[in-house]
Amino acid sequence: MKKIFIIALTLTMACAPVSMLAQSDRDGIEVSMSGITLSINGGNVHIVGANGEVMEVFNLTGTKVSSVRIDSADKTFALNLPKGCYLIKVGKIVRKISVQ
């Protein structure tokens, strides 16, 4: 049973989406799916094409740390978060980020 759990966990981690880094020394990372473009540059998240959607930020334990309604087609939010790993969800897009 333990071997099956380890194999399943390994396969799950191998199939996980690519993580993004939210660092000030990076030029930014951009992801575009289903008409929504999500860019992370430094401590800011830039979202295009998600008018009416909700951006939710979760820590790795699954606790929601932030929730913001996107009220325009082109919006930028500051991530005022402590260092750590987080999940950002906009519509059906979910991305992992690391705030350093």
PDB file of N, CA and C in Angstrom:
ATOM      1  N   MET A   1       0.828  -1.191   0.000  1.00  0.00           N
ATOM      2  CA  MET A   1       0.000   0.000   0.000  1.00  0.00           C
ATOM      3  C   MET A   1       0.869   1.250   0.000  1.00  0.00           C
ATOM      4  N   LYS A   2       1.954   1.204   0.784  1.00  0.00           N
ATOM      5  CA  LYS A   2       2.834   2.359   0.866  1.00  0.00           C
ATOM      6  C   LYS A   2       3.513   2.630  -0.477  1.00  0.00           C
ATOM      7  N   LYS A   3       3.889   1.567  -1.199  1.00  0.00           N
ATOM      8  CA  LYS A   3       4.529   1.735  -2.509  1.00  0.00           C
ATOM      9  C   LYS A   3       3.564   2.361  -3.509  1.00  0.00           C
ATOM     10  N   ILE A   4       2.298   1.952  -3.463  1.00  0.00           N
ATOM     11  CA  ILE A   4       1.301   2.516  -4.382  1.00  0.00           C
ATOM     12  C   ILE A   4       1.122   4.007  -4.097  1.00  0.00           C
ATOM     13  N   PHE A   5       1.091   4.383  -2.819  1.00  0.00           N
ATOM     14  CA  PHE A   5       0.955   5.790  -2.453  1.00  0.00           C
ATOM     15  C   PHE A   5       2.149   6.603  -2.950  1.00  0.00           C
ATOM     16  N   ILE A   6       3.349   6.084  -2.793  1.00  0.00           N
ATOM     17  CA  ILE A   6       4.556   6.804  -3.233  1.00  0.00           C
ATOM     18  C   ILE A   6       4.560   6.946  -4.743  1.00  0.00           C
ATOM     19  N   ILE A   7       4.175   5.893  -5.467  1.00  0.00           N
ATOM     20  CA  ILE A   7       4.129   5.967  -6.930  1.00  0.00           C
ATOM     21  C   ILE A   7       3.076   6.979  -7.374  1.00  0.00           C
ATOM     22  N   ALA A   8       1.902   6.952  -6.747  1.00  0.00           N
ATOM     23  CA  ALA A   8       0.844   7.904  -7.108  1.00  0.00           C
ATOM     24  C   ALA A   8       1.274   9.335  -6.822  1.00  0.00           C
ATOM     25  N   LEU A   9       1.924   9.556  -5.674  1.00  0.00           N
ATOM     26  CA  LEU A   9       2.403  10.892  -5.335  1.00  0.00           C
ATOM     27  C   LEU A   9       3.455  11.375  -6.327  1.00  0.00           C
ATOM     28  N   THR A  10       4.363  10.494  -6.724  1.00  0.00           N
ATOM     29  CA  THR A  10       5.402  10.846  -7.695  1.00  0.00           C
ATOM     30  C   THR A  10       4.791  11.213  -9.044  1.00  0.00           C
ATOM     31  N   LEU A  11       3.826  10.422  -9.502  1.00  0.00           N
ATOM     32  CA  LEU A  11       3.171  10.718 -10.779  1.00  0.00           C
ATOM     33  C   LEU A  11       2.390  12.027 -10.714  1.00  0.00           C
ATOM     34  N   THR A  12       1.753  12.297  -9.588  1.00  0.00           N
ATOM     35  CA  THR A  12       1.015  13.546  -9.421  1.00  0.00           C
ATOM     36  C   THR A  12       1.948  14.740  -9.489  1.00  0.00           C
ATOM     37  N   MET A  13       3.086  14.655  -8.823  1.00  0.00           N
ATOM     38  CA  MET A  13       4.048  15.757  -8.834  1.00  0.00           C
ATOM     39  C   MET A  13       4.655  15.947 -10.221  1.00  0.00           C
ATOM     40  N   ALA A  14       4.852  14.855 -10.969  1.00  0.00           N
ATOM     41  CA  ALA A  14       5.432  14.950 -12.304  1.00  0.00           C
ATOM     42  C   ALA A  14       4.458  15.599 -13.286  1.00  0.00           C
ATOM     43  N   CYS A  15       3.171  15.452 -13.056  1.00  0.00           N
ATOM     44  CA  CYS A  15       2.155  16.003 -13.957  1.00  0.00           C
ATOM     45  C   CYS A  15       1.670  17.375 -13.525  1.00  0.00           C
ATOM     46  N   ALA A  16       2.202  17.903 -12.444  1.00  0.00           N
ATOM     47  CA  ALA A  16       1.763  19.202 -11.936  1.00  0.00           C
ATOM     48  C   ALA A  16       2.167  20.309 -12.899  1.00  0.00           C
ATOM     49  N   PRO A  17       1.391  21.421 -12.949  1.00  0.00           N
ATOM     50  CA  PRO A  17       1.752  22.544 -13.823  1.00  0.00           C
ATOM     51  C   PRO A  17       3.076  23.175 -13.412  1.00  0.00           C
ATOM     52  N   VAL A  18       3.698  23.824 -14.364  1.00  0.00           N
ATOM     53  CA  VAL A  18       4.970  24.492 -14.130  1.00  0.00           C
ATOM     54  C   VAL A  18       4.754  25.668 -13.185  1.00  0.00           C
ATOM     55  N   SER A  19       5.640  25.820 -12.223  1.00  0.00           N
ATOM     56  CA  SER A  19       5.489  26.925 -11.275  1.00  0.00           C
ATOM     57  C   SER A  19       6.084  28.209 -11.844  1.00  0.00           C
ATOM     58  N   MET A  20       5.656  29.328 -11.285  1.00  0.00           N
ATOM     59  CA  MET A  20       6.152  30.633 -11.696  1.00  0.00           C
ATOM     60  C   MET A  20       6.792  31.302 -10.495  1.00  0.00           C
ATOM     61  N   LEU A  21       7.794  32.113 -10.744  1.00  0.00           N
ATOM     62  CA  LEU A  21       8.447  32.846  -9.669  1.00  0.00           C
ATOM     63  C   LEU A  21       8.024  34.304  -9.715  1.00  0.00           C
ATOM     64  N   ALA A  22       7.699  34.850  -8.569  1.00  0.00           N
ATOM     65  CA  ALA A  22       7.377  36.265  -8.475  1.00  0.00           C
ATOM     66  C   ALA A  22       8.571  36.947  -7.818  1.00  0.00           C
ATOM     67  N   GLN A  23       9.523  37.336  -8.638  1.00  0.00           N
ATOM     68  CA  GLN A  23      10.736  37.967  -8.132  1.00  0.00           C
ATOM     69  C   GLN A  23      10.920  39.303  -8.836  1.00  0.00           C
ATOM     70  N   SER A  24      11.499  40.242  -8.123  1.00  0.00           N
ATOM     71  CA  SER A  24      11.681  41.567  -8.702  1.00  0.00           C
ATOM     72  C   SER A  24      12.778  41.603  -9.757  1.00  0.00           C
ATOM     73  N   ASP A  25      13.689  40.616  -9.764  1.00  0.00           N
ATOM     74  CA  ASP A  25      14.769  40.637 -10.742  1.00  0.00           C
ATOM     75  C   ASP A  25      14.392  39.937 -12.043  1.00  0.00           C
ATOM     76  N   ARG A  26      13.194  39.429 -12.150  1.00  0.00           N
ATOM     77  CA  ARG A  26      12.727  38.780 -13.371  1.00  0.00           C
ATOM     78  C   ARG A  26      11.959  39.792 -14.217  1.00  0.00           C
ATOM     79  N   ASP A  27      11.938  39.566 -15.543  1.00  0.00           N
ATOM     80  CA  ASP A  27      11.181  40.434 -16.432  1.00  0.00           C
ATOM     81  C   ASP A  27       9.692  40.124 -16.395  1.00  0.00           C
ATOM     82  N   GLY A  28       9.322  38.947 -15.977  1.00  0.00           N
ATOM     83  CA  GLY A  28       7.910  38.584 -15.868  1.00  0.00           C
ATOM     84  C   GLY A  28       7.645  37.254 -16.528  1.00  0.00           C
ATOM     85  N   ILE A  29       6.592  36.629 -16.105  1.00  0.00           N
ATOM     86  CA  ILE A  29       6.179  35.358 -16.655  1.00  0.00           C
ATOM     87  C   ILE A  29       4.743  35.521 -17.089  1.00  0.00           C
ATOM     88  N   GLU A  30       4.443  35.073 -18.293  1.00  0.00           N
ATOM     89  CA  GLU A  30       3.114  35.273 -18.857  1.00  0.00           C
ATOM     90  C   GLU A  30       2.506  33.933 -19.228  1.00  0.00           C
ATOM     91  N   VAL A  31       1.259  33.752 -18.857  1.00  0.00           N
ATOM     92  CA  VAL A  31       0.523  32.542 -19.181  1.00  0.00           C
ATOM     93  C   VAL A  31      -0.788  32.960 -19.808  1.00  0.00           C
ATOM     94  N   SER A  32      -1.140  32.352 -20.933  1.00  0.00           N
ATOM     95  CA  SER A  32      -2.389  32.691 -21.601  1.00  0.00           C
ATOM     96  C   SER A  32      -3.176  31.417 -21.861  1.00  0.00           C
ATOM     97  N   MET A  33      -4.372  31.358 -21.299  1.00  0.00           N
ATOM     98  CA  MET A  33      -5.268  30.225 -21.518  1.00  0.00           C
ATOM     99  C   MET A  33      -6.698  30.746 -21.545  1.00  0.00           C
ATOM    100  N   SER A  34      -7.507  30.162 -22.378  1.00  0.00           N
ATOM    101  CA  SER A  34      -8.935  30.471 -22.479  1.00  0.00           C
ATOM    102  C   SER A  34      -9.214  31.971 -22.540  1.00  0.00           C
ATOM    103  N   GLY A  35      -8.374  32.707 -23.256  1.00  0.00           N
ATOM    104  CA  GLY A  35      -8.591  34.135 -23.431  1.00  0.00           C
ATOM    105  C   GLY A  35      -8.120  34.993 -22.285  1.00  0.00           C
ATOM    106  N   ILE A  36      -7.634  34.399 -21.212  1.00  0.00           N
ATOM    107  CA  ILE A  36      -7.142  35.145 -20.051  1.00  0.00           C
ATOM    108  C   ILE A  36      -5.622  35.092 -20.052  1.00  0.00           C
ATOM    109  N   THR A  37      -4.994  36.261 -19.940  1.00  0.00           N
ATOM    110  CA  THR A  37      -3.541  36.335 -19.858  1.00  0.00           C
ATOM    111  C   THR A  37      -3.154  36.746 -18.449  1.00  0.00           C
ATOM    112  N   LEU A  38      -2.278  35.963 -17.831  1.00  0.00           N
ATOM    113  CA  LEU A  38      -1.834  36.190 -16.463  1.00  0.00           C
ATOM    114  C   LEU A  38      -0.327  36.401 -16.491  1.00  0.00           C
ATOM    115  N   SER A  39       0.128  37.589 -16.102  1.00  0.00           N
ATOM    116  CA  SER A  39       1.556  37.910 -16.068  1.00  0.00           C
ATOM    117  C   SER A  39       1.960  38.248 -14.644  1.00  0.00           C
ATOM    118  N   ILE A  40       3.109  37.750 -14.235  1.00  0.00           N
ATOM    119  CA  ILE A  40       3.619  38.060 -12.905  1.00  0.00           C
ATOM    120  C   ILE A  40       4.971  38.717 -13.077  1.00  0.00           C
ATOM    121  N   ASN A  41       5.112  39.908 -12.511  1.00  0.00           N
ATOM    122  CA  ASN A  41       6.356  40.654 -12.618  1.00  0.00           C
ATOM    123  C   ASN A  41       6.640  41.279 -11.260  1.00  0.00           C
ATOM    124  N   GLY A  42       7.696  40.798 -10.621  1.00  0.00           N
ATOM    125  CA  GLY A  42       8.006  41.297  -9.296  1.00  0.00           C
ATOM    126  C   GLY A  42       6.895  40.913  -8.344  1.00  0.00           C
ATOM    127  N   GLY A  43       6.340  41.869  -7.654  1.00  0.00           N
ATOM    128  CA  GLY A  43       5.257  41.619  -6.731  1.00  0.00           C
ATOM    129  C   GLY A  43       3.898  41.964  -7.307  1.00  0.00           C
ATOM    130  N   ASN A  44       3.801  42.087  -8.636  1.00  0.00           N
ATOM    131  CA  ASN A  44       2.545  42.476  -9.280  1.00  0.00           C
ATOM    132  C   ASN A  44       2.011  41.383 -10.185  1.00  0.00           C
ATOM    133  N   VAL A  45       0.689  41.258 -10.226  1.00  0.00           N
ATOM    134  CA  VAL A  45       0.005  40.340 -11.132  1.00  0.00           C
ATOM    135  C   VAL A  45      -0.772  41.187 -12.122  1.00  0.00           C
ATOM    136  N   HIS A  46      -0.537  40.960 -13.413  1.00  0.00           N
ATOM    137  CA  HIS A  46      -1.232  41.690 -14.474  1.00  0.00           C
ATOM    138  C   HIS A  46      -2.159  40.702 -15.173  1.00  0.00           C
ATOM    139  N   ILE A  47      -3.457  41.008 -15.214  1.00  0.00           N
ATOM    140  CA  ILE A  47      -4.454  40.113 -15.786  1.00  0.00           C
ATOM    141  C   ILE A  47      -5.185  40.831 -16.902  1.00  0.00           C
ATOM    142  N   VAL A  48      -5.268  40.171 -18.067  1.00  0.00           N
ATOM    143  CA  VAL A  48      -5.964  40.721 -19.229  1.00  0.00           C
ATOM    144  C   VAL A  48      -7.027  39.718 -19.666  1.00  0.00           C
ATOM    145  N   GLY A  49      -8.218  40.206 -19.951  1.00  0.00           N
ATOM    146  CA  GLY A  49      -9.280  39.373 -20.496  1.00  0.00           C
ATOM    147  C   GLY A  49     -10.074  38.603 -19.464  1.00  0.00           C
ATOM    148  N   ALA A  50     -10.092  39.058 -18.225  1.00  0.00           N
ATOM    149  CA  ALA A  50     -10.809  38.340 -17.174  1.00  0.00           C
ATOM    150  C   ALA A  50     -11.856  39.228 -16.505  1.00  0.00           C
ATOM    151  N   ASN A  51     -12.456  40.129 -17.270  1.00  0.00           N
ATOM    152  CA  ASN A  51     -13.453  41.039 -16.717  1.00  0.00           C
ATOM    153  C   ASN A  51     -14.607  40.256 -16.092  1.00  0.00           C
ATOM    154  N   GLY A  52     -14.937  40.566 -14.845  1.00  0.00           N
ATOM    155  CA  GLY A  52     -16.013  39.893 -14.142  1.00  0.00           C
ATOM    156  C   GLY A  52     -15.584  38.658 -13.372  1.00  0.00           C
ATOM    157  N   GLU A  53     -14.354  38.201 -13.558  1.00  0.00           N
ATOM    158  CA  GLU A  53     -13.841  37.026 -12.835  1.00  0.00           C
ATOM    159  C   GLU A  53     -13.344  37.440 -11.457  1.00  0.00           C
ATOM    160  N   VAL A  54     -13.002  36.462 -10.645  1.00  0.00           N
ATOM    161  CA  VAL A  54     -12.452  36.694  -9.313  1.00  0.00           C
ATOM    162  C   VAL A  54     -11.055  36.104  -9.262  1.00  0.00           C
ATOM    163  N   MET A  55     -10.079  36.881  -8.777  1.00  0.00           N
ATOM    164  CA  MET A  55      -8.736  36.371  -8.546  1.00  0.00           C
ATOM    165  C   MET A  55      -8.660  35.960  -7.080  1.00  0.00           C
ATOM    166  N   GLU A  56      -8.314  34.689  -6.853  1.00  0.00           N
ATOM    167  CA  GLU A  56      -8.163  34.191  -5.502  1.00  0.00           C
ATOM    168  C   GLU A  56      -6.721  33.743  -5.301  1.00  0.00           C
ATOM    169  N   VAL A  57      -6.179  34.024  -4.121  1.00  0.00           N
ATOM    170  CA  VAL A  57      -4.819  33.618  -3.778  1.00  0.00           C
ATOM    171  C   VAL A  57      -4.907  32.704  -2.559  1.00  0.00           C
ATOM    172  N   PHE A  58      -4.292  31.521  -2.674  1.00  0.00           N
ATOM    173  CA  PHE A  58      -4.308  30.533  -1.598  1.00  0.00           C
ATOM    174  C   PHE A  58      -2.875  30.226  -1.181  1.00  0.00           C
ATOM    175  N   ASN A  59      -2.673  29.950   0.115  1.00  0.00           N
ATOM    176  CA  ASN A  59      -1.359  29.447   0.525  1.00  0.00           C
ATOM    177  C   ASN A  59      -1.358  27.942   0.282  1.00  0.00           C
ATOM    178  N   LEU A  60      -0.236  27.280   0.543  1.00  0.00           N
ATOM    179  CA  LEU A  60      -0.130  25.866   0.202  1.00  0.00           C
ATOM    180  C   LEU A  60      -0.936  24.953   1.105  1.00  0.00           C
ATOM    181  N   THR A  61      -1.451  25.449   2.207  1.00  0.00           N
ATOM    182  CA  THR A  61      -2.335  24.637   3.041  1.00  0.00           C
ATOM    183  C   THR A  61      -3.778  24.733   2.578  1.00  0.00           C
ATOM    184  N   GLY A  62      -4.033  25.563   1.556  1.00  0.00           N
ATOM    185  CA  GLY A  62      -5.370  25.696   1.006  1.00  0.00           C
ATOM    186  C   GLY A  62      -6.185  26.824   1.591  1.00  0.00           C
ATOM    187  N   THR A  63      -5.579  27.616   2.461  1.00  0.00           N
ATOM    188  CA  THR A  63      -6.277  28.746   3.070  1.00  0.00           C
ATOM    189  C   THR A  63      -6.280  29.932   2.110  1.00  0.00           C
ATOM    190  N   LYS A  64      -7.463  30.505   1.878  1.00  0.00           N
ATOM    191  CA  LYS A  64      -7.565  31.673   0.995  1.00  0.00           C
ATOM    192  C   LYS A  64      -6.988  32.884   1.720  1.00  0.00           C
ATOM    193  N   VAL A  65      -5.977  33.524   1.119  1.00  0.00           N
ATOM    194  CA  VAL A  65      -5.344  34.680   1.743  1.00  0.00           C
ATOM    195  C   VAL A  65      -5.782  35.991   1.090  1.00  0.00           C
ATOM    196  N   SER A  66      -6.375  35.904  -0.106  1.00  0.00           N
ATOM    197  CA  SER A  66      -6.824  37.111  -0.786  1.00  0.00           C
ATOM    198  C   SER A  66      -7.863  36.743  -1.836  1.00  0.00           C
ATOM    199  N   SER A  67      -8.814  37.656  -2.050  1.00  0.00           N
ATOM    200  CA  SER A  67      -9.819  37.474  -3.086  1.00  0.00           C
ATOM    201  C   SER A  67     -10.199  38.849  -3.610  1.00  0.00           C
ATOM    202  N   VAL A  68     -10.096  39.031  -4.935  1.00  0.00           N
ATOM    203  CA  VAL A  68     -10.364  40.334  -5.543  1.00  0.00           C
ATOM    204  C   VAL A  68     -11.181  40.132  -6.811  1.00  0.00           C
ATOM    205  N   ARG A  69     -12.259  40.893  -6.964  1.00  0.00           N
ATOM    206  CA  ARG A  69     -13.043  40.846  -8.199  1.00  0.00           C
ATOM    207  C   ARG A  69     -12.354  41.714  -9.242  1.00  0.00           C
ATOM    208  N   ILE A  70     -12.224  41.190 -10.444  1.00  0.00           N
ATOM    209  CA  ILE A  70     -11.587  41.910 -11.547  1.00  0.00           C
ATOM    210  C   ILE A  70     -12.674  42.685 -12.272  1.00  0.00           C
ATOM    211  N   ASP A  71     -12.579  44.014 -12.229  1.00  0.00           N
ATOM    212  CA  ASP A  71     -13.658  44.852 -12.752  1.00  0.00           C
ATOM    213  C   ASP A  71     -13.353  45.504 -14.094  1.00  0.00           C
ATOM    214  N   SER A  72     -12.241  45.128 -14.727  1.00  0.00           N
ATOM    215  CA  SER A  72     -11.942  45.661 -16.058  1.00  0.00           C
ATOM    216  C   SER A  72     -11.190  44.601 -16.859  1.00  0.00           C
ATOM    217  N   ALA A  73     -11.078  44.831 -18.154  1.00  0.00           N
ATOM    218  CA  ALA A  73     -10.423  43.859 -19.031  1.00  0.00           C
ATOM    219  C   ALA A  73      -8.910  43.827 -18.841  1.00  0.00           C
ATOM    220  N   ASP A  74      -8.327  44.880 -18.274  1.00  0.00           N
ATOM    221  CA  ASP A  74      -6.877  44.974 -18.084  1.00  0.00           C
ATOM    222  C   ASP A  74      -6.631  45.490 -16.668  1.00  0.00           C
ATOM    223  N   LYS A  75      -6.147  44.638 -15.788  1.00  0.00           N
ATOM    224  CA  LYS A  75      -6.026  45.003 -14.378  1.00  0.00           C
ATOM    225  C   LYS A  75      -4.687  44.529 -13.826  1.00  0.00           C
ATOM    226  N   THR A  76      -4.090  45.334 -12.946  1.00  0.00           N
ATOM    227  CA  THR A  76      -2.848  44.978 -12.261  1.00  0.00           C
ATOM    228  C   THR A  76      -3.075  45.044 -10.758  1.00  0.00           C
ATOM    229  N   PHE A  77      -2.636  44.000 -10.053  1.00  0.00           N
ATOM    230  CA  PHE A  77      -2.767  43.927  -8.606  1.00  0.00           C
ATOM    231  C   PHE A  77      -1.398  43.751  -7.983  1.00  0.00           C
ATOM    232  N   ALA A  78      -1.176  44.401  -6.847  1.00  0.00           N
ATOM    233  CA  ALA A  78       0.061  44.217  -6.080  1.00  0.00           C
ATOM    234  C   ALA A  78      -0.133  43.039  -5.137  1.00  0.00           C
ATOM    235  N   LEU A  79       0.843  42.121  -5.145  1.00  0.00           N
ATOM    236  CA  LEU A  79       0.809  40.977  -4.237  1.00  0.00           C
ATOM    237  C   LEU A  79       1.547  41.363  -2.963  1.00  0.00           C
ATOM    238  N   ASN A  80       0.831  41.843  -1.998  1.00  0.00           N
ATOM    239  CA  ASN A  80       1.436  42.211  -0.719  1.00  0.00           C
ATOM    240  C   ASN A  80       1.403  40.991   0.185  1.00  0.00           C
ATOM    241  N   LEU A  81       2.259  40.017  -0.139  1.00  0.00           N
ATOM    242  CA  LEU A  81       2.280  38.745   0.567  1.00  0.00           C
ATOM    243  C   LEU A  81       3.647  38.498   1.180  1.00  0.00           C
ATOM    244  N   PRO A  82       3.695  37.807   2.311  1.00  0.00           N
ATOM    245  CA  PRO A  82       4.997  37.424   2.857  1.00  0.00           C
ATOM    246  C   PRO A  82       5.654  36.368   1.974  1.00  0.00           C
ATOM    247  N   LYS A  83       6.946  36.143   2.184  1.00  0.00           N
ATOM    248  CA  LYS A  83       7.669  35.143   1.408  1.00  0.00           C
ATOM    249  C   LYS A  83       7.000  33.791   1.546  1.00  0.00           C
ATOM    250  N   GLY A  84       6.986  33.051   0.437  1.00  0.00           N
ATOM    251  CA  GLY A  84       6.411  31.711   0.456  1.00  0.00           C
ATOM    252  C   GLY A  84       5.831  31.333  -0.888  1.00  0.00           C
ATOM    253  N   CYS A  85       5.209  30.171  -0.950  1.00  0.00           N
ATOM    254  CA  CYS A  85       4.584  29.662  -2.166  1.00  0.00           C
ATOM    255  C   CYS A  85       3.077  29.843  -2.074  1.00  0.00           C
ATOM    256  N   TYR A  86       2.472  30.208  -3.194  1.00  0.00           N
ATOM    257  CA  TYR A  86       1.042  30.482  -3.238  1.00  0.00           C
ATOM    258  C   TYR A  86       0.454  29.942  -4.530  1.00  0.00           C
ATOM    259  N   LEU A  87      -0.858  29.793  -4.555  1.00  0.00           N
ATOM    260  CA  LEU A  87      -1.606  29.427  -5.748  1.00  0.00           C
ATOM    261  C   LEU A  87      -2.497  30.611  -6.110  1.00  0.00           C
ATOM    262  N   ILE A  88      -2.475  31.000  -7.390  1.00  0.00           N
ATOM    263  CA  ILE A  88      -3.340  32.071  -7.883  1.00  0.00           C
ATOM    264  C   ILE A  88      -4.360  31.437  -8.811  1.00  0.00           C
ATOM    265  N   LYS A  89      -5.639  31.731  -8.578  1.00  0.00           N
ATOM    266  CA  LYS A  89      -6.712  31.193  -9.406  1.00  0.00           C
ATOM    267  C   LYS A  89      -7.502  32.344 -10.001  1.00  0.00           C
ATOM    268  N   VAL A  90      -7.618  32.349 -11.337  1.00  0.00           N
ATOM    269  CA  VAL A  90      -8.444  33.317 -12.060  1.00  0.00           C
ATOM    270  C   VAL A  90      -9.281  32.516 -13.042  1.00  0.00           C
ATOM    271  N   GLY A  91     -10.588  32.491 -12.832  1.00  0.00           N
ATOM    272  CA  GLY A  91     -11.445  31.666 -13.683  1.00  0.00           C
ATOM    273  C   GLY A  91     -11.059  30.207 -13.517  1.00  0.00           C
ATOM    274  N   LYS A  92     -10.692  29.541 -14.616  1.00  0.00           N
ATOM    275  CA  LYS A  92     -10.265  28.145 -14.563  1.00  0.00           C
ATOM    276  C   LYS A  92      -8.750  27.992 -14.566  1.00  0.00           C
ATOM    277  N   ILE A  93      -8.027  29.105 -14.558  1.00  0.00           N
ATOM    278  CA  ILE A  93      -6.567  29.068 -14.549  1.00  0.00           C
ATOM    279  C   ILE A  93      -6.064  29.053 -13.111  1.00  0.00           C
ATOM    280  N   VAL A  94      -5.187  28.116 -12.794  1.00  0.00           N
ATOM    281  CA  VAL A  94      -4.553  28.054 -11.480  1.00  0.00           C
ATOM    282  C   VAL A  94      -3.058  27.962 -11.711  1.00  0.00           C
ATOM    283  N   ARG A  95      -2.288  28.832 -11.056  1.00  0.00           N
ATOM    284  CA  ARG A  95      -0.838  28.846 -11.205  1.00  0.00           C
ATOM    285  C   ARG A  95      -0.174  28.925  -9.856  1.00  0.00           C
ATOM    286  N   LYS A  96       0.970  28.257  -9.735  1.00  0.00           N
ATOM    287  CA  LYS A  96       1.771  28.318  -8.520  1.00  0.00           C
ATOM    288  C   LYS A  96       2.788  29.450  -8.672  1.00  0.00           C
ATOM    289  N   ILE A  97       3.001  30.191  -7.608  1.00  0.00           N
ATOM    290  CA  ILE A  97       4.026  31.228  -7.603  1.00  0.00           C
ATOM    291  C   ILE A  97       4.839  31.122  -6.326  1.00  0.00           C
ATOM    292  N   SER A  98       6.017  31.676  -6.378  1.00  0.00           N
ATOM    293  CA  SER A  98       6.881  31.748  -5.201  1.00  0.00           C
ATOM    294  C   SER A  98       7.259  33.208  -4.985  1.00  0.00           C
ATOM    295  N   VAL A  99       6.879  33.747  -3.850  1.00  0.00           N
ATOM    296  CA  VAL A  99       7.213  35.135  -3.497  1.00  0.00           C
ATOM    297  C   VAL A  99       8.481  35.083  -2.669  1.00  0.00           C
ATOM    298  N   GLN A 100       9.508  35.803  -3.145  1.00  0.00           N
ATOM    299  CA  GLN A 100      10.798  35.763  -2.450  1.00  0.00           C
ATOM    300  C   GLN A 100      11.242  37.114  -1.988  1.00  0.00           C
TER     301      GLN A 100
END
